[in-house]
PDB file of N, CA and C in Angstrom:
ATOM      1  N   UNK A   1     -15.528  -3.277   4.630  1.00  0.00           N
ATOM      2  CA  UNK A   1     -14.327  -2.668   4.558  1.00  0.00           C
ATOM      3  C   UNK A   1     -14.026  -1.081   5.280  1.00  0.00           C
ATOM      4  N   UNK A   2     -12.768  -1.603   5.307  1.00  0.00           N
ATOM      5  CA  UNK A   2     -12.668  -0.614   5.240  1.00  0.00           C
ATOM      6  C   UNK A   2     -11.054   0.413   4.387  1.00  0.00           C
ATOM      7  N   UNK A   3     -11.117   1.693   4.913  1.00  0.00           N
ATOM      8  CA  UNK A   3     -10.196   2.222   3.872  1.00  0.00           C
ATOM      9  C   UNK A   3      -9.586   3.734   5.036  1.00  0.00           C
ATOM     10  N   UNK A   4      -8.250   3.909   4.596  1.00  0.00           N
ATOM     11  CA  UNK A   4      -7.419   4.820   4.889  1.00  0.00           C
ATOM     12  C   UNK A   4      -6.976   5.565   4.182  1.00  0.00           C
ATOM     13  N   UNK A   5      -6.631   7.423   4.150  1.00  0.00           N
ATOM     14  CA  UNK A   5      -4.867   7.768   3.162  1.00  0.00           C
ATOM     15  C   UNK A   5      -4.027   7.814   3.851  1.00  0.00           C
ATOM     16  N   UNK A   6      -3.673   7.808   3.082  1.00  0.00           N
ATOM     17  CA  UNK A   6      -2.212   7.442   3.792  1.00  0.00           C
ATOM     18  C   UNK A   6      -1.058   8.627   3.116  1.00  0.00           C
ATOM     19  N   UNK A   7      -0.574   8.721   3.288  1.00  0.00           N
ATOM     20  CA  UNK A   7       0.674  10.288   2.292  1.00  0.00           C
ATOM     21  C   UNK A   7       2.378   9.410   3.001  1.00  0.00           C
ATOM     22  N   UNK A   8       2.837   9.023   1.353  1.00  0.00           N
ATOM     23  CA  UNK A   8       3.872   8.056   1.854  1.00  0.00           C
ATOM     24  C   UNK A   8       4.710   9.432   1.653  1.00  0.00           C
ATOM     25  N   UNK A   9       5.460   8.700   2.767  1.00  0.00           N
ATOM     26  CA  UNK A   9       6.796   9.135   3.610  1.00  0.00           C
ATOM     27  C   UNK A   9       8.143   8.483   3.547  1.00  0.00           C
ATOM     28  N   UNK A  10       8.331   8.225   2.386  1.00  0.00           N
ATOM     29  CA  UNK A  10       9.449   7.427   2.188  1.00  0.00           C
ATOM     30  C   UNK A  10      10.279   7.486   1.502  1.00  0.00           C
ATOM     31  N   UNK A  11      11.947   8.194   2.178  1.00  0.00           N
ATOM     32  CA  UNK A  11      12.629   8.860   1.582  1.00  0.00           C
ATOM     33  C   UNK A  11      12.963   9.104  -0.038  1.00  0.00           C
ATOM     34  N   UNK A  12      12.945   8.114  -1.221  1.00  0.00           N
ATOM     35  CA  UNK A  12      12.767   8.173  -2.528  1.00  0.00           C
ATOM     36  C   UNK A  12      11.492   7.491  -2.850  1.00  0.00           C
ATOM     37  N   UNK A  13      10.188   7.781  -2.118  1.00  0.00           N
ATOM     38  CA  UNK A  13       8.848   6.635  -2.866  1.00  0.00           C
ATOM     39  C   UNK A  13       9.056   5.150  -2.619  1.00  0.00           C
ATOM     40  N   UNK A  14       8.379   4.513  -3.468  1.00  0.00           N
ATOM     41  CA  UNK A  14       8.387   3.782  -3.688  1.00  0.00           C
ATOM     42  C   UNK A  14       8.389   2.859  -5.188  1.00  0.00           C
ATOM     43  N   UNK A  15       9.701   3.055  -5.392  1.00  0.00           N
ATOM     44  CA  UNK A  15      10.681   2.406  -6.612  1.00  0.00           C
ATOM     45  C   UNK A  15      10.227   1.090  -6.801  1.00  0.00           C
ATOM     46  N   UNK A  16      11.859   0.067  -6.900  1.00  0.00           N
ATOM     47  CA  UNK A  16      11.170  -1.258  -7.457  1.00  0.00           C
ATOM     48  C   UNK A  16      11.329  -2.037  -5.971  1.00  0.00           C
ATOM     49  N   UNK A  17      12.336  -2.194  -5.560  1.00  0.00           N
ATOM     50  CA  UNK A  17      12.181  -2.465  -4.326  1.00  0.00           C
ATOM     51  C   UNK A  17      11.719  -2.162  -3.217  1.00  0.00           C
ATOM     52  N   UNK A  18      11.447  -1.599  -2.724  1.00  0.00           N
ATOM     53  CA  UNK A  18      10.407  -0.619  -2.219  1.00  0.00           C
ATOM     54  C   UNK A  18       9.185  -1.527  -2.552  1.00  0.00           C
ATOM     55  N   UNK A  19       8.985  -1.570  -3.590  1.00  0.00           N
ATOM     56  CA  UNK A  19       7.096  -1.818  -4.085  1.00  0.00           C
ATOM     57  C   UNK A  19       7.420  -2.861  -3.986  1.00  0.00           C
ATOM     58  N   UNK A  20       8.368  -3.731  -3.806  1.00  0.00           N
ATOM     59  CA  UNK A  20       8.053  -5.620  -3.821  1.00  0.00           C
ATOM     60  C   UNK A  20       7.944  -5.695  -2.097  1.00  0.00           C
ATOM     61  N   UNK A  21       8.742  -4.565  -1.635  1.00  0.00           N
ATOM     62  CA  UNK A  21       8.225  -5.096  -0.167  1.00  0.00           C
ATOM     63  C   UNK A  21       7.564  -4.799  -0.024  1.00  0.00           C
ATOM     64  N   UNK A  22       7.153  -3.466  -0.388  1.00  0.00           N
ATOM     65  CA  UNK A  22       5.525  -3.530  -0.051  1.00  0.00           C
ATOM     66  C   UNK A  22       3.445  -4.893  -0.921  1.00  0.00           C
ATOM     67  N   UNK A  23       4.847  -5.068  -1.832  1.00  0.00           N
ATOM     68  CA  UNK A  23       3.749  -6.476  -1.268  1.00  0.00           C
ATOM     69  C   UNK A  23       4.112  -7.716  -0.734  1.00  0.00           C
ATOM     70  N   UNK A  24       4.968  -7.260  -0.165  1.00  0.00           N
ATOM     71  CA  UNK A  24       5.205  -8.914   0.700  1.00  0.00           C
ATOM     72  C   UNK A  24       4.588  -8.412   2.213  1.00  0.00           C
ATOM     73  N   UNK A  25       4.143  -7.428   2.859  1.00  0.00           N
ATOM     74  CA  UNK A  25       3.819  -6.539   3.534  1.00  0.00           C
ATOM     75  C   UNK A  25       2.502  -6.932   2.991  1.00  0.00           C
ATOM     76  N   UNK A  26       2.104  -6.344   2.681  1.00  0.00           N
ATOM     77  CA  UNK A  26      -0.026  -6.584   1.784  1.00  0.00           C
ATOM     78  C   UNK A  26       0.198  -8.495   1.872  1.00  0.00           C
ATOM     79  N   UNK A  27       0.865  -8.925   1.267  1.00  0.00           N
ATOM     80  CA  UNK A  27       0.354 -10.319   1.619  1.00  0.00           C
ATOM     81  C   UNK A  27       0.299 -10.871   3.005  1.00  0.00           C
ATOM     82  N   UNK A  28       1.306 -10.511   4.095  1.00  0.00           N
ATOM     83  CA  UNK A  28       0.677 -11.245   5.508  1.00  0.00           C
ATOM     84  C   UNK A  28      -0.382 -11.080   6.074  1.00  0.00           C
ATOM     85  N   UNK A  29      -1.103 -10.780   5.016  1.00  0.00           N
ATOM     86  CA  UNK A  29      -2.592 -10.179   5.777  1.00  0.00           C
ATOM     87  C   UNK A  29      -3.839 -11.437   4.635  1.00  0.00           C
ATOM     88  N   UNK A  30      -4.289 -11.838   4.570  1.00  0.00           N
ATOM     89  CA  UNK A  30      -5.323 -12.193   4.129  1.00  0.00           C
ATOM     90  C   UNK A  30      -6.969 -11.439   3.846  1.00  0.00           C
ATOM     91  N   UNK A  31      -6.673 -10.087   4.025  1.00  0.00           N
ATOM     92  CA  UNK A  31      -7.398  -9.440   3.880  1.00  0.00           C
ATOM     93  C   UNK A  31      -7.443  -9.223   2.035  1.00  0.00           C
ATOM     94  N   UNK A  32      -8.161  -8.453   1.524  1.00  0.00           N
ATOM     95  CA  UNK A  32      -7.891  -7.960   0.120  1.00  0.00           C
ATOM     96  C   UNK A  32      -7.219  -6.887   0.091  1.00  0.00           C
ATOM     97  N   UNK A  33      -6.422  -6.290  -0.265  1.00  0.00           N
ATOM     98  CA  UNK A  33      -5.800  -5.136  -0.094  1.00  0.00           C
ATOM     99  C   UNK A  33      -5.498  -4.106  -1.441  1.00  0.00           C
ATOM    100  N   UNK A  34      -6.471  -3.280  -1.478  1.00  0.00           N
ATOM    101  CA  UNK A  34      -5.829  -2.314  -3.378  1.00  0.00           C
ATOM    102  C   UNK A  34      -5.358  -1.112  -2.369  1.00  0.00           C
ATOM    103  N   UNK A  35      -4.740  -0.431  -3.322  1.00  0.00           N
ATOM    104  CA  UNK A  35      -4.849   0.988  -3.295  1.00  0.00           C
ATOM    105  C   UNK A  35      -4.716   2.296  -4.275  1.00  0.00           C
ATOM    106  N   UNK A  36      -5.843   3.076  -3.844  1.00  0.00           N
ATOM    107  CA  UNK A  36      -5.732   3.988  -5.249  1.00  0.00           C
ATOM    108  C   UNK A  36      -4.948   5.227  -5.324  1.00  0.00           C
ATOM    109  N   UNK A  37      -4.982   5.660  -6.746  1.00  0.00           N
ATOM    110  CA  UNK A  37      -4.310   6.527  -6.397  1.00  0.00           C
ATOM    111  C   UNK A  37      -5.615   8.046  -7.686  1.00  0.00           C
ATOM    112  N   UNK A  38      -6.296   8.342  -7.486  1.00  0.00           N
ATOM    113  CA  UNK A  38      -6.981   9.457  -8.095  1.00  0.00           C
ATOM    114  C   UNK A  38      -8.003   8.526  -8.667  1.00  0.00           C
ATOM    115  N   UNK A  39      -8.259   7.313  -9.585  1.00  0.00           N
ATOM    116  CA  UNK A  39      -9.357   6.709 -10.982  1.00  0.00           C
ATOM    117  C   UNK A  39      -7.988   5.478 -10.716  1.00  0.00           C
ATOM    118  N   UNK A  40      -7.370   5.538 -10.729  1.00  0.00           N
ATOM    119  CA  UNK A  40      -6.445   3.892 -10.898  1.00  0.00           C
ATOM    120  C   UNK A  40      -6.061   3.586  -9.195  1.00  0.00           C
ATOM    121  N   UNK A  41      -7.224   2.238  -9.724  1.00  0.00           N
ATOM    122  CA  UNK A  41      -7.061   1.447  -8.265  1.00  0.00           C
ATOM    123  C   UNK A  41      -5.898  -0.694  -8.959  1.00  0.00           C
ATOM    124  N   UNK A  42      -5.040  -0.675  -7.974  1.00  0.00           N
ATOM    125  CA  UNK A  42      -4.367  -1.943  -7.815  1.00  0.00           C
ATOM    126  C   UNK A  42      -4.314  -2.291  -6.417  1.00  0.00           C
ATOM    127  N   UNK A  43      -4.384  -3.898  -7.128  1.00  0.00           N
ATOM    128  CA  UNK A  43      -4.568  -5.188  -6.086  1.00  0.00           C
ATOM    129  C   UNK A  43      -2.626  -4.761  -5.257  1.00  0.00           C
ATOM    130  N   UNK A  44      -2.830  -4.644  -4.418  1.00  0.00           N
ATOM    131  CA  UNK A  44      -1.614  -3.976  -3.258  1.00  0.00           C
ATOM    132  C   UNK A  44      -0.607  -5.331  -3.118  1.00  0.00           C
ATOM    133  N   UNK A  45      -1.535  -6.824  -3.339  1.00  0.00           N
ATOM    134  CA  UNK A  45      -1.067  -8.592  -3.739  1.00  0.00           C
ATOM    135  C   UNK A  45      -0.198  -8.514  -4.956  1.00  0.00           C
ATOM    136  N   UNK A  46      -0.071  -7.717  -6.148  1.00  0.00           N
ATOM    137  CA  UNK A  46       0.341  -7.757  -7.214  1.00  0.00           C
ATOM    138  C   UNK A  46       1.153  -6.644  -7.586  1.00  0.00           C
ATOM    139  N   UNK A  47       2.463  -7.620  -7.916  1.00  0.00           N
ATOM    140  CA  UNK A  47       3.760  -6.677  -8.177  1.00  0.00           C
ATOM    141  C   UNK A  47       3.362  -5.596  -9.143  1.00  0.00           C
ATOM    142  N   UNK A  48       2.975  -6.474 -10.547  1.00  0.00           N
ATOM    143  CA  UNK A  48       2.509  -6.368 -11.631  1.00  0.00           C
ATOM    144  C   UNK A  48       1.894  -4.804 -11.039  1.00  0.00           C
ATOM    145  N   UNK A  49       0.659  -4.985 -10.401  1.00  0.00           N
ATOM    146  CA  UNK A  49      -0.213  -3.514 -10.428  1.00  0.00           C
ATOM    147  C   UNK A  49      -0.070  -2.733  -9.758  1.00  0.00           C
ATOM    148  N   UNK A  50       1.681  -2.618  -8.325  1.00  0.00           N
ATOM    149  CA  UNK A  50       1.881  -1.538  -7.508  1.00  0.00           C
ATOM    150  C   UNK A  50       3.237  -1.300  -8.364  1.00  0.00           C
ATOM    151  N   UNK A  51       3.662  -1.535  -9.085  1.00  0.00           N
ATOM    152  CA  UNK A  51       4.617  -0.823 -10.403  1.00  0.00           C
ATOM    153  C   UNK A  51       4.468  -0.099 -10.949  1.00  0.00           C
ATOM    154  N   UNK A  52       2.972  -0.219 -11.951  1.00  0.00           N
ATOM    155  CA  UNK A  52       2.025   0.258 -13.020  1.00  0.00           C
ATOM    156  C   UNK A  52       2.208   2.225 -12.027  1.00  0.00           C
ATOM    157  N   UNK A  53       1.966   2.573 -10.283  1.00  0.00           N
ATOM    158  CA  UNK A  53       1.947   3.433  -9.799  1.00  0.00           C
ATOM    159  C   UNK A  53       2.860   4.205  -9.913  1.00  0.00           C
ATOM    160  N   UNK A  54       2.750   5.381 -10.294  1.00  0.00           N
ATOM    161  CA  UNK A  54       3.768   6.464  -9.991  1.00  0.00           C
ATOM    162  C   UNK A  54       3.468   7.186  -8.398  1.00  0.00           C
ATOM    163  N   UNK A  55       4.618   6.854  -7.237  1.00  0.00           N
ATOM    164  CA  UNK A  55       4.580   6.864  -5.980  1.00  0.00           C
ATOM    165  C   UNK A  55       5.806   7.140  -5.830  1.00  0.00           C
ATOM    166  N   UNK A  56       5.856   9.222  -5.687  1.00  0.00           N
ATOM    167  CA  UNK A  56       6.821   9.350  -4.859  1.00  0.00           C
ATOM    168  C   UNK A  56       6.740   9.896  -3.803  1.00  0.00           C
ATOM    169  N   UNK A  57       7.631  10.099  -3.096  1.00  0.00           N
ATOM    170  CA  UNK A  57       7.117  11.158  -1.519  1.00  0.00           C
ATOM    171  C   UNK A  57       6.784  12.393  -1.671  1.00  0.00           C
ATOM    172  N   UNK A  58       5.387  12.033  -0.571  1.00  0.00           N
ATOM    173  CA  UNK A  58       4.534  13.011  -0.869  1.00  0.00           C
ATOM    174  C   UNK A  58       2.827  13.031  -1.077  1.00  0.00           C
ATOM    175  N   UNK A  59       3.461  11.684  -1.855  1.00  0.00           N
ATOM    176  CA  UNK A  59       1.818  11.386  -2.977  1.00  0.00           C
ATOM    177  C   UNK A  59       0.549  11.302  -1.999  1.00  0.00           C
ATOM    178  N   UNK A  60      -0.048  10.861  -2.188  1.00  0.00           N
ATOM    179  CA  UNK A  60      -1.685  10.583  -0.715  1.00  0.00           C
ATOM    180  C   UNK A  60      -1.986   9.561  -1.431  1.00  0.00           C
ATOM    181  N   UNK A  61      -1.994   8.381  -1.123  1.00  0.00           N
ATOM    182  CA  UNK A  61      -3.013   6.986  -1.358  1.00  0.00           C
ATOM    183  C   UNK A  61      -3.764   7.156  -0.960  1.00  0.00           C
ATOM    184  N   UNK A  62      -4.758   6.165  -0.902  1.00  0.00           N
ATOM    185  CA  UNK A  62      -6.197   5.750  -0.253  1.00  0.00           C
ATOM    186  C   UNK A  62      -5.457   4.118  -0.237  1.00  0.00           C
ATOM    187  N   UNK A  63      -5.686   3.532   1.218  1.00  0.00           N
ATOM    188  CA  UNK A  63      -5.578   1.949   0.496  1.00  0.00           C
ATOM    189  C   UNK A  63      -6.738   0.970   1.853  1.00  0.00           C
ATOM    190  N   UNK A  64      -7.362   0.513   0.989  1.00  0.00           N
ATOM    191  CA  UNK A  64      -8.469   0.053   1.170  1.00  0.00           C
ATOM    192  C   UNK A  64      -8.113  -1.644   1.835  1.00  0.00           C
ATOM    193  N   UNK A  65      -9.130  -2.273   2.656  1.00  0.00           N
ATOM    194  CA  UNK A  65      -8.851  -3.740   3.126  1.00  0.00           C
ATOM    195  C   UNK A  65     -10.100  -3.589   3.085  1.00  0.00           C
ATOM    196  N   UNK A  66     -10.745  -5.406   3.159  1.00  0.00           N
ATOM    197  CA  UNK A  66     -11.507  -6.385   3.294  1.00  0.00           C
ATOM    198  C   UNK A  66     -11.510  -7.516   3.080  1.00  0.00           C
ATOM    199  N   UNK A  67     -11.357  -8.058   4.367  1.00  0.00           N
ATOM    200  CA  UNK A  67     -11.454  -8.848   5.099  1.00  0.00           C
ATOM    201  C   UNK A  67     -11.369  -9.281   6.374  1.00  0.00           C
ATOM    202  N   UNK A  68     -11.180 -10.277   6.959  1.00  0.00           N
ATOM    203  CA  UNK A  68     -11.492 -10.682   8.765  1.00  0.00           C
ATOM    204  C   UNK A  68      -9.861 -10.198   9.526  1.00  0.00           C
ATOM    205  N   UNK A  69      -8.750  -9.648   9.142  1.00  0.00           N
ATOM    206  CA  UNK A  69      -8.306  -8.310   9.437  1.00  0.00           C
ATOM    207  C   UNK A  69      -7.503  -7.499   8.809  1.00  0.00           C
ATOM    208  N   UNK A  70      -8.463  -7.114   8.927  1.00  0.00           N
ATOM    209  CA  UNK A  70      -8.407  -6.057   7.359  1.00  0.00           C
ATOM    210  C   UNK A  70      -7.560  -4.132   8.510  1.00  0.00           C
ATOM    211  N   UNK A  71      -8.152  -4.928   9.506  1.00  0.00           N
ATOM    212  CA  UNK A  71      -7.487  -3.664  10.428  1.00  0.00           C
ATOM    213  C   UNK A  71      -5.871  -3.585  10.661  1.00  0.00           C
ATOM    214  N   UNK A  72      -5.788  -4.781  10.479  1.00  0.00           N
ATOM    215  CA  UNK A  72      -4.262  -5.038  10.812  1.00  0.00           C
ATOM    216  C   UNK A  72      -3.503  -4.849   9.465  1.00  0.00           C
ATOM    217  N   UNK A  73      -4.251  -5.166   8.546  1.00  0.00           N
ATOM    218  CA  UNK A  73      -4.046  -4.623   7.212  1.00  0.00           C
ATOM    219  C   UNK A  73      -3.544  -3.227   6.888  1.00  0.00           C
ATOM    220  N   UNK A  74      -4.228  -2.355   7.081  1.00  0.00           N
ATOM    221  CA  UNK A  74      -4.191  -1.243   6.324  1.00  0.00           C
ATOM    222  C   UNK A  74      -3.382  -0.924   7.795  1.00  0.00           C
ATOM    223  N   UNK A  75      -3.265  -0.970   9.115  1.00  0.00           N
ATOM    224  CA  UNK A  75      -2.456  -0.601   9.588  1.00  0.00           C
ATOM    225  C   UNK A  75      -0.335  -0.704   9.199  1.00  0.00           C
ATOM    226  N   UNK A  76      -0.785  -2.391   9.047  1.00  0.00           N
ATOM    227  CA  UNK A  76       0.901  -2.649   8.898  1.00  0.00           C
ATOM    228  C   UNK A  76       0.789  -2.058   6.896  1.00  0.00           C
ATOM    229  N   UNK A  77       0.245  -1.789   5.886  1.00  0.00           N
ATOM    230  CA  UNK A  77       0.447  -1.346   4.683  1.00  0.00           C
ATOM    231  C   UNK A  77       0.652  -0.055   4.998  1.00  0.00           C
ATOM    232  N   UNK A  78      -0.095   0.666   5.737  1.00  0.00           N
ATOM    233  CA  UNK A  78      -0.128   2.908   6.059  1.00  0.00           C
ATOM    234  C   UNK A  78       1.611   2.179   6.862  1.00  0.00           C
ATOM    235  N   UNK A  79       1.902   1.564   8.300  1.00  0.00           N
ATOM    236  CA  UNK A  79       3.162   1.578   8.772  1.00  0.00           C
ATOM    237  C   UNK A  79       4.251   1.530   7.671  1.00  0.00           C
ATOM    238  N   UNK A  80       3.783   1.006   6.611  1.00  0.00           N
ATOM    239  CA  UNK A  80       5.079   1.330   6.114  1.00  0.00           C
ATOM    240  C   UNK A  80       5.802   1.649   5.392  1.00  0.00           C
ATOM    241  N   UNK A  81       4.516   2.709   4.513  1.00  0.00           N
ATOM    242  CA  UNK A  81       4.139   3.481   3.612  1.00  0.00           C
ATOM    243  C   UNK A  81       4.281   4.833   3.911  1.00  0.00           C
ATOM    244  N   UNK A  82       3.997   5.331   5.491  1.00  0.00           N
ATOM    245  CA  UNK A  82       4.794   6.414   6.109  1.00  0.00           C
ATOM    246  C   UNK A  82       6.287   6.255   6.307  1.00  0.00           C
ATOM    247  N   UNK A  83       7.106   4.582   5.886  1.00  0.00           N
ATOM    248  CA  UNK A  83       8.706   4.624   6.416  1.00  0.00           C
ATOM    249  C   UNK A  83       8.599   4.186   7.841  1.00  0.00           C
ATOM    250  N   UNK A  84       7.417   4.292   7.931  1.00  0.00           N
ATOM    251  CA  UNK A  84       7.614   3.967  10.148  1.00  0.00           C
ATOM    252  C   UNK A  84       8.509   2.207  10.317  1.00  0.00           C
ATOM    253  N   UNK A  85       7.714   1.357   8.782  1.00  0.00           N
ATOM    254  CA  UNK A  85       8.381  -0.054   8.557  1.00  0.00           C
ATOM    255  C   UNK A  85       9.334  -0.490   7.879  1.00  0.00           C
ATOM    256  N   UNK A  86       9.820  -0.623   7.742  1.00  0.00           N
ATOM    257  CA  UNK A  86      11.137  -0.962   6.769  1.00  0.00           C
ATOM    258  C   UNK A  86      11.662  -2.498   6.299  1.00  0.00           C
TER     259      UNK A  86
END
């Protein structure tokens, strides 16, 4: 299992469209992926879970991956949230 703290650096944060794109990025990987803010943890492969979070620019989240490609999964999801990959 790997974990990484990521600060969201997308101009408008993660509203409906970027949330759907985030779920698509997460689904590229075989690993189980989760995002945690304070005491709330959601499955990153679930649009309903992601939509329950308030993900504004500057919000710090913890990304957790567990599986065979966890390093690539953390890197890919982290790049998306940092605004590097769109």
